[in-house]
Amino acid sequence: MLTVQSMSVRYGDFTAVDNVSVTIDRGGHILALLGPSGSGKSTVLRGIAGLEPLTSGTVSFDGEDITNVPVHKRNIGLVFQDGQLFPHRTVTGNIEYGLTVGSAARRAVGDGDTHPKLTKAERSARVDELLDLVGLVGYGSRRVDQLSGGEAQRVALARALAPRPRLLLLDEPLSALDRGLRDRLAIDVRHIVAESHTPTLVVTHDHSEAAFLADEIAVIIDGTIRQVSPPRLLWRNPADTVVAKFLGFESFLDAHIRHGVARCALGAVGVDGPDGDAVLALGQHSLVVAPHGPVEATVVSVVVLPDGLRMRVMIDGVGECGAAGTLYDDVVVGQSIRLGLDGRRTGVIVPPNSGSPSNRSHVQGTRARVGGGADD
């Protein structure tokens, strides 16, 4: 089990990471640390790996404090954005390098008896096992400069998993790939991690990547974890307007919820939230074209995309908002249209301690926890 307790990293007067606590207590589970550029997410990963000295706090695994243990003795697998493969080696050669480094690290900490040096046959079998795991059977003799971006990242993942690390760290592993390949590979990475039973932390700025990969997402902004939730709850119930804006919501309306119905300036809409005061967070698809909808708006701009219309509209008393329509909606700039508010695409921000399940982890500085137990 990985436990990061009260990690802080400062550079002079600048605080990059402020009192971050993270726990991953089950093999095969993935925690995504999601945040904008400069939020401190990669600094947290580097601190866990031993690549960044901590100003305060501890990093431990299975109760062993590894805060001051050198990088090569931590038995942690690392995959970076560019994969950092050796171009002069074959796929097999790159994966075998992971086995060599892992064996050397175990001998350095006196674990050679428990994990003796592998024989040639054992190394070959392990490479074949990993090629099968990452979907690259038959690729062993290829040079890595002959691989696609997605294939190269699979090799990097296989190399990181080769020595059976106790923890896997992924730093923006898919950001260099195009969107379609990124989404497909994210699903595959999730399967690979589950099959390897390796607890995993991934850092990313990409919402979709985090949602595809993670069992749970920790949102980090300005060096502080502001919310920890499963992907579904994160977008349904953002912790506050700061988190909501980062997640893509742009307009906010005061509301009162009673029996699952929120009443606001745009009318009544069914939502997921406890009775009481709340704030509705509106995103691009919260308002949709509806010929008999209760909301009147004036179209400011229209963009046609393959999946439908993206609009900016002006609503009296609310201001400019995003709205969506289908390719069959005949909409032009300056037109007055009717809109409906879709509660299924609207975030609900409720006060802390309101009874909402997602609010158990809405407090700034909260511990991010992934795995089994009463906190699930």
Protein backbone atom coordinates (compact mmCIF):
# COMPACT_ATOMS: atom_id res chain seq x y z
CA MET A 1 0.00 0.00 0.00
CA LEU A 2 1.32 3.43 -0.97
CA THR A 3 0.85 6.13 1.65
CA VAL A 4 1.89 9.73 1.10
CA GLN A 5 1.42 11.76 4.27
CA SER A 6 1.35 15.59 4.31
CA MET A 7 3.75 16.04 1.38
CA SER A 8 4.94 19.60 0.81
CA VAL A 9 7.53 20.81 -1.69
CA ARG A 10 8.78 24.40 -1.63
CA TYR A 11 11.28 26.30 -3.75
CA GLY A 12 12.23 29.33 -1.70
CA ASP A 13 9.02 31.27 -1.09
CA PHE A 14 7.08 29.29 -3.72
CA THR A 15 5.00 26.32 -2.59
CA ALA A 16 4.63 23.78 -5.40
CA VAL A 17 2.89 21.09 -3.31
CA ASP A 18 1.00 21.91 -0.14
CA ASN A 19 0.15 19.21 2.43
CA VAL A 20 -0.86 16.50 -0.04
CA SER A 21 -1.84 13.06 1.29
CA VAL A 22 -2.44 10.10 -1.03
CA THR A 23 -3.22 6.44 -0.38
CA ILE A 24 -3.53 3.59 -2.89
CA ASP A 25 -4.29 0.42 -0.97
CA ARG A 26 -5.21 -2.17 -3.58
CA GLY A 27 -3.25 -3.71 -6.43
CA GLY A 28 -4.54 -3.01 -9.92
CA HIS A 29 -6.32 0.20 -8.94
CA ILE A 30 -5.52 3.52 -10.58
CA LEU A 31 -5.61 6.96 -8.99
CA ALA A 32 -5.39 9.88 -11.43
CA LEU A 33 -3.92 13.14 -10.20
CA LEU A 34 -5.71 15.61 -12.48
CA GLY A 35 -4.79 19.26 -12.65
CA PRO A 36 -3.85 22.15 -14.94
CA SER A 37 -0.28 22.98 -15.91
CA GLY A 38 1.68 24.18 -12.90
CA SER A 39 -0.71 22.60 -10.39
CA GLY A 40 2.00 20.47 -8.75
CA LYS A 41 0.83 17.09 -10.01
CA SER A 42 4.14 16.05 -11.58
CA THR A 43 6.00 17.30 -8.51
CA VAL A 44 3.92 14.90 -6.38
CA LEU A 45 4.83 12.03 -8.71
CA ARG A 46 8.51 12.95 -8.66
CA GLY A 47 8.41 13.17 -4.88
CA ILE A 48 6.95 9.66 -4.65
CA ALA A 49 9.58 8.35 -7.08
CA GLY A 50 12.42 9.97 -5.14
CA LEU A 51 13.29 12.36 -7.97
CA GLU A 52 12.25 15.42 -5.95
CA PRO A 53 13.27 16.07 -2.33
CA LEU A 54 10.39 16.80 0.03
CA THR A 55 10.31 19.89 2.19
CA SER A 56 8.11 17.98 4.62
CA GLY A 57 5.97 14.85 4.75
CA THR A 58 6.64 11.18 4.17
CA VAL A 59 6.31 8.49 1.50
CA SER A 60 5.85 4.91 2.67
CA PHE A 61 4.96 1.56 1.15
CA ASP A 62 3.46 -1.27 3.19
CA GLY A 63 4.46 0.59 6.34
CA GLU A 64 8.10 1.09 5.29
CA ASP A 65 9.21 4.74 5.18
CA ILE A 66 10.97 5.23 1.84
CA THR A 67 11.15 9.04 1.95
CA ASN A 68 14.95 9.02 1.93
CA VAL A 69 15.48 5.80 -0.04
CA PRO A 70 17.34 6.37 -3.36
CA VAL A 71 15.33 6.15 -6.56
CA HIS A 72 16.89 2.90 -7.77
CA LYS A 73 16.07 1.12 -4.51
CA ARG A 74 12.34 1.96 -4.37
CA ASN A 75 11.18 -0.74 -6.84
CA ILE A 76 8.88 1.70 -8.62
CA GLY A 77 8.03 1.55 -12.33
CA LEU A 78 8.04 4.85 -14.23
CA VAL A 79 6.53 5.71 -17.61
CA PHE A 80 6.92 9.23 -18.98
CA GLN A 81 5.22 11.08 -21.81
CA ASP A 82 7.89 10.22 -24.38
CA GLY A 83 8.45 6.66 -23.14
CA GLN A 84 12.23 7.20 -23.00
CA LEU A 85 12.97 3.99 -24.90
CA PHE A 86 16.41 3.11 -26.26
CA PRO A 87 16.17 3.55 -30.06
CA HIS A 88 19.20 1.32 -30.74
CA ARG A 89 17.58 -1.65 -28.97
CA THR A 90 14.82 -3.94 -30.10
CA VAL A 91 11.50 -4.23 -28.30
CA THR A 92 12.85 -7.27 -26.46
CA GLY A 93 16.05 -5.42 -25.59
CA ASN A 94 14.12 -2.55 -24.05
CA ILE A 95 11.96 -4.85 -21.95
CA GLU A 96 14.99 -6.88 -20.85
CA TYR A 97 16.60 -3.64 -19.69
CA GLY A 98 13.72 -3.28 -17.24
CA LEU A 99 14.48 -6.76 -15.93
CA THR A 100 18.19 -5.95 -15.57
CA VAL A 101 17.59 -2.70 -13.69
CA GLY A 102 14.97 -4.32 -11.47
CA SER A 103 17.26 -7.21 -10.54
CA ALA A 104 20.13 -4.83 -9.77
CA ALA A 105 17.87 -2.72 -7.56
CA ARG A 106 16.73 -5.75 -5.57
CA ARG A 107 20.33 -6.86 -5.07
CA ALA A 108 21.23 -3.34 -3.92
CA VAL A 109 18.72 -3.58 -1.08
CA GLY A 110 19.79 -7.10 -0.14
CA ASP A 111 16.77 -8.80 -1.72
CA GLY A 112 18.78 -11.03 -4.04
CA ASP A 113 17.92 -14.22 -2.17
CA THR A 114 14.18 -13.58 -2.44
CA HIS A 115 14.48 -12.52 -6.08
CA PRO A 116 17.58 -14.24 -7.54
CA LYS A 117 19.01 -13.24 -10.89
CA LEU A 118 16.87 -14.62 -13.71
CA THR A 119 18.21 -17.26 -16.06
CA LYS A 120 18.17 -16.62 -19.80
CA ALA A 121 15.12 -18.86 -20.20
CA GLU A 122 13.30 -17.07 -17.38
CA ARG A 123 14.07 -13.68 -18.90
CA SER A 124 12.78 -14.83 -22.28
CA ALA A 125 9.60 -16.20 -20.70
CA ARG A 126 9.03 -12.94 -18.80
CA VAL A 127 9.47 -10.90 -21.99
CA ASP A 128 6.98 -13.12 -23.83
CA GLU A 129 4.54 -12.77 -20.93
CA LEU A 130 4.79 -8.97 -21.06
CA LEU A 131 4.46 -8.79 -24.84
CA ASP A 132 1.26 -10.78 -24.53
CA LEU A 133 0.04 -8.53 -21.70
CA VAL A 134 0.51 -5.32 -23.69
CA GLY A 135 -0.78 -6.76 -26.97
CA LEU A 136 2.53 -6.87 -28.86
CA VAL A 137 3.07 -10.59 -29.44
CA GLY A 138 5.49 -11.01 -32.35
CA TYR A 139 7.02 -7.53 -31.97
CA GLY A 140 10.08 -8.61 -29.95
CA SER A 141 12.62 -8.33 -32.78
CA ARG A 142 11.45 -4.94 -34.03
CA ARG A 143 13.45 -1.80 -33.44
CA VAL A 144 11.55 0.75 -31.40
CA ASP A 145 12.07 3.45 -34.05
CA GLN A 146 9.86 1.32 -36.31
CA LEU A 147 6.92 1.48 -33.91
CA SER A 148 3.93 3.80 -33.85
CA GLY A 149 3.49 6.14 -30.90
CA GLY A 150 0.94 3.86 -29.29
CA GLU A 151 3.10 0.77 -29.75
CA ALA A 152 6.10 2.57 -28.26
CA GLN A 153 4.12 3.49 -25.15
CA ARG A 154 3.06 -0.15 -24.78
CA VAL A 155 6.73 -1.14 -24.82
CA ALA A 156 7.50 1.52 -22.21
CA LEU A 157 4.72 0.13 -20.04
CA ALA A 158 6.00 -3.44 -20.47
CA ARG A 159 9.53 -2.33 -19.53
CA ALA A 160 8.24 -0.57 -16.41
CA LEU A 161 6.27 -3.68 -15.37
CA ALA A 162 9.09 -6.12 -16.19
CA PRO A 163 10.67 -6.27 -12.69
CA ARG A 164 7.21 -6.57 -11.05
CA PRO A 165 7.34 -3.15 -9.33
CA ARG A 166 5.32 -2.58 -6.19
CA LEU A 167 4.04 0.71 -7.64
CA LEU A 168 3.61 2.11 -11.15
CA LEU A 169 3.83 5.85 -11.85
CA LEU A 170 2.60 7.24 -15.19
CA ASP A 171 3.48 10.87 -16.01
CA GLU A 172 1.25 12.18 -18.84
CA PRO A 173 1.71 8.80 -20.59
CA LEU A 174 -0.71 9.40 -23.47
CA SER A 175 -0.52 13.15 -24.09
CA ALA A 176 1.77 12.84 -27.14
CA LEU A 177 -0.77 10.68 -29.00
CA ASP A 178 -3.71 11.80 -31.12
CA ARG A 179 -7.13 11.80 -29.46
CA GLY A 180 -8.56 8.63 -31.00
CA LEU A 181 -5.46 6.56 -30.26
CA ARG A 182 -5.19 8.10 -26.79
CA ASP A 183 -8.69 6.99 -25.81
CA ARG A 184 -8.21 3.45 -27.14
CA LEU A 185 -4.83 3.04 -25.45
CA ALA A 186 -6.20 4.42 -22.17
CA ILE A 187 -8.72 1.57 -22.06
CA ASP A 188 -5.95 -0.92 -22.80
CA VAL A 189 -3.68 0.54 -20.10
CA ARG A 190 -6.47 0.17 -17.57
CA HIS A 191 -6.79 -3.52 -18.50
CA ILE A 192 -3.01 -4.05 -18.37
CA VAL A 193 -2.73 -2.48 -14.91
CA ALA A 194 -5.62 -4.58 -13.61
CA GLU A 195 -4.07 -7.77 -15.01
CA SER A 196 -0.69 -6.95 -13.48
CA HIS A 197 -2.27 -6.19 -10.08
CA THR A 198 0.02 -3.16 -9.74
CA PRO A 199 -1.20 -0.11 -7.77
CA THR A 200 -0.85 2.86 -10.10
CA LEU A 201 -0.73 6.65 -9.93
CA VAL A 202 -1.15 8.60 -13.16
CA VAL A 203 -0.78 12.35 -13.52
CA THR A 204 -2.50 14.17 -16.36
CA HIS A 205 -4.05 17.49 -17.33
CA ASP A 206 -6.51 15.78 -19.70
CA HIS A 207 -10.04 15.22 -18.39
CA SER A 208 -10.87 12.38 -20.77
CA GLU A 209 -7.59 10.59 -20.11
CA ALA A 210 -8.22 10.69 -16.36
CA ALA A 211 -11.79 9.47 -16.77
CA PHE A 212 -10.77 6.62 -19.09
CA LEU A 213 -7.88 5.47 -16.89
CA ALA A 214 -8.80 5.98 -13.28
CA ASP A 215 -10.86 4.26 -10.63
CA GLU A 216 -10.73 7.54 -8.74
CA ILE A 217 -9.61 11.07 -9.60
CA ALA A 218 -7.91 13.56 -7.29
CA VAL A 219 -8.16 17.14 -8.56
CA ILE A 220 -5.07 19.16 -7.67
CA ILE A 221 -5.03 22.94 -8.11
CA ASP A 222 -2.30 25.28 -6.86
CA GLY A 223 -0.54 22.42 -5.12
CA THR A 224 -3.55 21.32 -3.08
CA ILE A 225 -5.93 18.39 -3.57
CA ARG A 226 -9.40 19.94 -3.67
CA GLN A 227 -11.56 16.91 -4.44
CA VAL A 228 -11.30 13.13 -4.66
CA SER A 229 -14.11 11.22 -6.37
CA PRO A 230 -14.82 8.44 -8.84
CA PRO A 231 -15.09 9.94 -12.36
CA ARG A 232 -18.88 9.73 -12.45
CA LEU A 233 -19.33 11.65 -9.19
CA LEU A 234 -16.64 14.19 -10.01
CA TRP A 235 -18.60 15.71 -12.87
CA ARG A 236 -21.97 15.23 -11.22
CA ASN A 237 -20.97 16.92 -7.97
CA PRO A 238 -17.92 19.21 -8.22
CA ALA A 239 -16.60 20.32 -4.84
CA ASP A 240 -16.73 24.05 -5.57
CA THR A 241 -16.68 26.57 -8.41
CA VAL A 242 -12.87 26.40 -8.68
CA VAL A 243 -12.99 22.66 -9.37
CA ALA A 244 -16.07 23.06 -11.58
CA LYS A 245 -14.39 25.68 -13.79
CA PHE A 246 -11.37 23.43 -14.26
CA LEU A 247 -13.69 20.56 -15.20
CA GLY A 248 -15.28 22.67 -17.95
CA PHE A 249 -18.32 24.21 -16.29
CA GLU A 250 -18.62 27.93 -16.97
CA SER A 251 -21.89 29.34 -15.63
CA PHE A 252 -23.26 29.05 -12.11
CA LEU A 253 -26.79 29.51 -10.79
CA ASP A 254 -28.02 29.59 -7.20
CA ALA A 255 -30.66 26.93 -6.64
CA HIS A 256 -32.71 25.19 -3.98
CA ILE A 257 -33.24 21.44 -4.16
CA ARG A 258 -36.25 19.62 -2.82
CA HIS A 259 -37.05 15.97 -3.52
CA GLY A 260 -34.57 15.82 -6.42
CA VAL A 261 -35.84 18.96 -8.16
CA ALA A 262 -33.70 22.09 -8.31
CA ARG A 263 -35.36 25.46 -8.80
CA CYS A 264 -33.23 28.25 -10.23
CA ALA A 265 -33.44 31.32 -12.46
CA LEU A 266 -33.95 29.06 -15.49
CA GLY A 267 -36.82 27.08 -13.99
CA ALA A 268 -37.02 23.63 -12.40
CA VAL A 269 -34.87 20.65 -13.32
CA GLY A 270 -34.30 17.18 -11.92
CA VAL A 271 -30.83 16.82 -10.38
CA ASP A 272 -28.74 14.54 -8.19
CA GLY A 273 -28.38 16.29 -4.85
CA PRO A 274 -29.70 16.46 -1.27
CA ASP A 275 -32.44 18.84 -0.21
CA GLY A 276 -31.22 22.35 0.52
CA ASP A 277 -29.37 25.21 -1.11
CA ALA A 278 -26.97 24.41 -3.95
CA VAL A 279 -25.23 25.88 -6.96
CA LEU A 280 -25.91 24.49 -10.43
CA ALA A 281 -22.83 24.32 -12.68
CA LEU A 282 -23.62 24.66 -16.38
CA GLY A 283 -21.35 23.30 -19.07
CA GLN A 284 -21.46 23.28 -22.85
CA HIS A 285 -24.18 20.61 -22.98
CA SER A 286 -26.29 21.63 -19.98
CA LEU A 287 -28.52 23.85 -22.11
CA VAL A 288 -29.94 22.19 -25.23
CA VAL A 289 -32.19 23.34 -28.03
CA ALA A 290 -35.82 22.52 -27.14
CA PRO A 291 -38.65 24.06 -29.24
CA HIS A 292 -40.92 24.31 -26.20
CA GLY A 293 -38.23 24.77 -23.58
CA PRO A 294 -38.68 27.25 -20.71
CA VAL A 295 -35.53 29.28 -21.41
CA GLU A 296 -35.45 32.02 -24.05
CA ALA A 297 -32.04 32.95 -25.45
CA THR A 298 -30.43 34.86 -28.30
CA VAL A 299 -27.79 33.10 -30.36
CA VAL A 300 -24.41 34.86 -30.26
CA SER A 301 -22.36 32.34 -32.23
CA VAL A 302 -22.69 28.88 -33.79
CA VAL A 303 -20.01 26.31 -34.59
CA VAL A 304 -20.87 23.13 -36.49
CA LEU A 305 -18.99 20.04 -35.29
CA PRO A 306 -19.37 16.37 -36.25
CA ASP A 307 -21.31 15.62 -33.05
CA GLY A 308 -23.63 18.63 -33.23
CA LEU A 309 -23.84 22.39 -32.75
CA ARG A 310 -21.82 24.33 -30.18
CA MET A 311 -23.35 27.71 -29.47
CA ARG A 312 -22.88 30.78 -27.36
CA VAL A 313 -26.18 32.27 -26.27
CA MET A 314 -27.27 35.31 -24.25
CA ILE A 315 -29.92 34.82 -21.56
CA ASP A 316 -31.54 37.75 -19.75
CA GLY A 317 -30.58 37.81 -16.10
CA VAL A 318 -27.93 35.12 -16.57
CA GLY A 319 -25.54 36.38 -19.24
CA GLU A 320 -23.65 34.53 -21.95
CA CYS A 321 -23.61 30.72 -21.73
CA GLY A 322 -22.73 27.71 -23.80
CA ALA A 323 -25.49 25.64 -25.39
CA ALA A 324 -25.73 22.62 -27.66
CA GLY A 325 -27.91 21.46 -30.50
CA THR A 326 -28.09 18.68 -33.06
CA LEU A 327 -27.10 18.90 -36.71
CA TYR A 328 -30.83 19.01 -37.47
CA ASP A 329 -31.44 22.21 -35.50
CA ASP A 330 -31.72 25.20 -37.87
CA VAL A 331 -30.00 27.90 -35.83
CA VAL A 332 -28.38 31.16 -36.96
CA VAL A 333 -26.65 34.04 -35.18
CA GLY A 334 -29.08 36.62 -33.83
CA GLN A 335 -31.99 34.19 -33.71
CA SER A 336 -34.17 33.87 -30.61
CA ILE A 337 -34.41 30.22 -29.58
CA ARG A 338 -35.87 28.13 -26.78
CA LEU A 339 -33.67 25.98 -24.59
CA GLY A 340 -34.14 23.30 -21.97
CA LEU A 341 -31.87 22.63 -18.99
CA ASP A 342 -30.64 19.01 -18.90
CA GLY A 343 -30.10 18.01 -15.28
CA ARG A 344 -28.11 14.94 -16.36
CA ARG A 345 -25.46 17.24 -17.84
CA THR A 346 -25.50 19.80 -15.05
CA GLY A 347 -23.15 19.71 -12.09
CA VAL A 348 -24.55 20.21 -8.60
CA ILE A 349 -22.31 21.93 -6.06
CA VAL A 350 -23.59 21.39 -2.54
CA PRO A 351 -22.18 22.67 0.77
CA PRO A 352 -19.71 20.44 2.65
CA ASN A 353 -21.28 18.01 5.12
CA SER A 354 -24.59 18.20 3.25
CA GLY A 355 -24.97 14.43 3.10
CA SER A 356 -24.02 14.04 -0.55
CA PRO A 357 -21.76 10.95 -1.01
CA SER A 358 -19.24 12.92 -3.06
CA ASN A 359 -18.83 15.49 -0.29
CA ARG A 360 -16.99 12.98 1.87
CA SER A 361 -13.88 14.03 -0.05
CA HIS A 362 -14.54 17.67 -0.92
CA VAL A 363 -12.37 19.28 1.74
CA GLN A 364 -9.14 21.00 0.69
CA GLY A 365 -6.08 19.02 1.74
CA THR A 366 -8.09 15.80 1.85
CA ARG A 367 -6.46 12.40 1.62
CA ALA A 368 -6.82 10.78 -1.78
CA ARG A 369 -7.64 7.11 -1.21
CA VAL A 370 -8.09 4.33 -3.75
CA GLY A 371 -8.99 0.75 -2.91
CA GLY A 372 -11.28 -1.23 -0.66
CA GLY A 373 -12.60 -0.36 2.74
CA ALA A 374 -15.21 1.71 4.44
CA ASP A 375 -14.35 4.81 2.44
CA ASP A 376 -15.55 3.29 -0.84
